[in-house]
Amino acid sequence: MPSATRFRARYNRQRRMKVTVELQAFLQQYSPNGDSVFEHTLPDGATVQTLVRDLHVPEEMASVIVVNGASADFDDPLADGDRVTFIPPLSGG
């Protein structure tokens, strides 16, 4: 079996999880379907940073991260069923 085929077979066997994502304000532009709240599938063991990269959200734009109502960091692991909210930096005064 060619190496690319083996890789896809192994990748498809990985366990997956679904999280609910909320992108607030202008971060909604990074939604894969245009909705501010949506489900997203990730590989088991994914972290907040995995999700940020998967959605192509610039890390500096995800200044406040909330997972299940609690403050979170990029290296925090995610679990099936988590709700992740990204809040952009605020400006003004």
C-alpha atoms as a PDB file:
ATOM      1  CA  MET A   1       0.000   0.000   0.000  1.00  0.00           C
ATOM      2  CA  PRO A   2       1.486   3.425  -0.909  1.00  0.00           C
ATOM      3  CA  SER A   3       2.513   5.565   2.062  1.00  0.00           C
ATOM      4  CA  ALA A   4      -0.184   8.221   1.431  1.00  0.00           C
ATOM      5  CA  THR A   5      -2.857   5.528   1.431  1.00  0.00           C
ATOM      6  CA  ARG A   6      -1.485   4.068   4.671  1.00  0.00           C
ATOM      7  CA  PHE A   7      -1.477   7.522   6.236  1.00  0.00           C
ATOM      8  CA  ARG A   8      -5.118   8.165   5.258  1.00  0.00           C
ATOM      9  CA  ALA A   9      -6.157   4.757   6.597  1.00  0.00           C
ATOM     10  CA  ARG A  10      -4.394   5.420   9.909  1.00  0.00           C
ATOM     11  CA  TYR A  11      -5.816   8.964  10.073  1.00  0.00           C
ATOM     12  CA  ASN A  12      -9.359   7.719   9.466  1.00  0.00           C
ATOM     13  CA  ARG A  13      -9.014   5.224  12.336  1.00  0.00           C
ATOM     14  CA  GLN A  14      -8.124   7.965  14.837  1.00  0.00           C
ATOM     15  CA  ARG A  15     -10.790   8.673  17.375  1.00  0.00           C
ATOM     16  CA  ARG A  16     -12.583  11.931  16.791  1.00  0.00           C
ATOM     17  CA  MET A  17     -14.476  14.327  19.037  1.00  0.00           C
ATOM     18  CA  LYS A  18     -16.968  17.110  18.456  1.00  0.00           C
ATOM     19  CA  VAL A  19     -16.837  20.451  20.197  1.00  0.00           C
ATOM     20  CA  THR A  20     -19.195  23.390  19.946  1.00  0.00           C
ATOM     21  CA  VAL A  21     -17.424  26.578  18.900  1.00  0.00           C
ATOM     22  CA  GLU A  22     -18.625  30.143  19.387  1.00  0.00           C
ATOM     23  CA  LEU A  23     -16.791  32.888  17.516  1.00  0.00           C
ATOM     24  CA  GLN A  24     -17.724  36.318  18.814  1.00  0.00           C
ATOM     25  CA  ALA A  25     -17.745  39.602  16.933  1.00  0.00           C
ATOM     26  CA  PHE A  26     -15.492  39.766  13.858  1.00  0.00           C
ATOM     27  CA  LEU A  27     -14.022  36.312  14.590  1.00  0.00           C
ATOM     28  CA  GLN A  28     -17.148  34.910  12.939  1.00  0.00           C
ATOM     29  CA  GLN A  29     -15.336  35.392   9.617  1.00  0.00           C
ATOM     30  CA  TYR A  30     -13.297  32.271  10.511  1.00  0.00           C
ATOM     31  CA  SER A  31     -16.390  30.067  10.778  1.00  0.00           C
ATOM     32  CA  PRO A  32     -16.379  27.279   8.197  1.00  0.00           C
ATOM     33  CA  ASN A  33     -20.130  27.767   7.584  1.00  0.00           C
ATOM     34  CA  GLY A  34     -20.587  31.459   8.382  1.00  0.00           C
ATOM     35  CA  ASP A  35     -22.431  30.801  11.647  1.00  0.00           C
ATOM     36  CA  SER A  36     -21.109  32.244  14.906  1.00  0.00           C
ATOM     37  CA  VAL A  37     -21.913  28.958  16.724  1.00  0.00           C
ATOM     38  CA  PHE A  38     -21.191  25.582  15.119  1.00  0.00           C
ATOM     39  CA  GLU A  39     -19.950  22.064  15.813  1.00  0.00           C
ATOM     40  CA  HIS A  40     -16.400  21.183  14.824  1.00  0.00           C
ATOM     41  CA  THR A  41     -14.736  17.764  14.685  1.00  0.00           C
ATOM     42  CA  LEU A  42     -11.196  17.321  15.992  1.00  0.00           C
ATOM     43  CA  PRO A  43      -8.904  14.367  16.639  1.00  0.00           C
ATOM     44  CA  ASP A  44      -8.845  12.962  20.165  1.00  0.00           C
ATOM     45  CA  GLY A  45      -6.183  14.701  22.217  1.00  0.00           C
ATOM     46  CA  ALA A  46      -6.658  18.059  20.494  1.00  0.00           C
ATOM     47  CA  THR A  47      -5.917  21.233  22.417  1.00  0.00           C
ATOM     48  CA  VAL A  48      -7.331  24.731  22.152  1.00  0.00           C
ATOM     49  CA  GLN A  49      -4.359  25.569  19.925  1.00  0.00           C
ATOM     50  CA  THR A  50      -5.254  22.671  17.608  1.00  0.00           C
ATOM     51  CA  LEU A  51      -8.715  24.182  17.211  1.00  0.00           C
ATOM     52  CA  VAL A  52      -7.366  27.704  16.640  1.00  0.00           C
ATOM     53  CA  ARG A  53      -5.037  26.453  13.916  1.00  0.00           C
ATOM     54  CA  ASP A  54      -7.726  24.243  12.365  1.00  0.00           C
ATOM     55  CA  LEU A  55     -10.019  27.274  12.038  1.00  0.00           C
ATOM     56  CA  HIS A  56      -7.154  29.496  10.776  1.00  0.00           C
ATOM     57  CA  VAL A  57      -7.815  32.048  13.515  1.00  0.00           C
ATOM     58  CA  PRO A  58      -4.697  34.184  14.109  1.00  0.00           C
ATOM     59  CA  GLU A  59      -3.565  33.377  17.663  1.00  0.00           C
ATOM     60  CA  GLU A  60      -3.327  37.056  18.610  1.00  0.00           C
ATOM     61  CA  MET A  61      -7.008  37.456  17.664  1.00  0.00           C
ATOM     62  CA  ALA A  62      -8.146  34.788  20.134  1.00  0.00           C
ATOM     63  CA  SER A  63      -7.269  36.926  23.125  1.00  0.00           C
ATOM     64  CA  VAL A  64      -9.926  35.498  25.447  1.00  0.00           C
ATOM     65  CA  ILE A  65     -10.668  31.771  25.371  1.00  0.00           C
ATOM     66  CA  VAL A  66     -13.450  30.215  27.420  1.00  0.00           C
ATOM     67  CA  VAL A  67     -14.002  26.453  27.624  1.00  0.00           C
ATOM     68  CA  ASN A  68     -17.194  25.337  29.358  1.00  0.00           C
ATOM     69  CA  GLY A  69     -17.498  28.691  31.132  1.00  0.00           C
ATOM     70  CA  ALA A  70     -13.916  28.814  32.459  1.00  0.00           C
ATOM     71  CA  SER A  71     -10.888  30.715  31.197  1.00  0.00           C
ATOM     72  CA  ALA A  72      -8.568  28.557  29.082  1.00  0.00           C
ATOM     73  CA  ASP A  73      -5.120  28.644  27.477  1.00  0.00           C
ATOM     74  CA  PHE A  74      -3.845  27.422  24.115  1.00  0.00           C
ATOM     75  CA  ASP A  75      -2.318  24.277  25.616  1.00  0.00           C
ATOM     76  CA  ASP A  76      -5.472  23.168  27.451  1.00  0.00           C
ATOM     77  CA  PRO A  77      -6.830  19.832  26.180  1.00  0.00           C
ATOM     78  CA  LEU A  78     -10.324  19.598  24.756  1.00  0.00           C
ATOM     79  CA  ALA A  79     -12.842  16.803  25.246  1.00  0.00           C
ATOM     80  CA  ASP A  80     -15.854  15.582  23.336  1.00  0.00           C
ATOM     81  CA  GLY A  81     -18.821  17.879  24.000  1.00  0.00           C
ATOM     82  CA  ASP A  82     -16.809  20.905  25.160  1.00  0.00           C
ATOM     83  CA  ARG A  83     -18.045  24.401  24.321  1.00  0.00           C
ATOM     84  CA  VAL A  84     -15.244  26.743  23.263  1.00  0.00           C
ATOM     85  CA  THR A  85     -15.796  30.490  22.962  1.00  0.00           C
ATOM     86  CA  PHE A  86     -13.291  32.821  21.338  1.00  0.00           C
ATOM     87  CA  ILE A  87     -13.524  36.529  22.146  1.00  0.00           C
ATOM     88  CA  PRO A  88     -11.421  38.991  20.131  1.00  0.00           C
ATOM     89  CA  PRO A  89      -9.317  41.741  21.676  1.00  0.00           C
ATOM     90  CA  LEU A  90     -11.324  44.713  22.810  1.00  0.00           C
ATOM     91  CA  SER A  91     -10.380  48.287  22.045  1.00  0.00           C
ATOM     92  CA  GLY A  92     -11.732  51.664  22.879  1.00  0.00           C
ATOM     93  CA  GLY A  93     -11.807  53.686  25.973  1.00  0.00           C
END
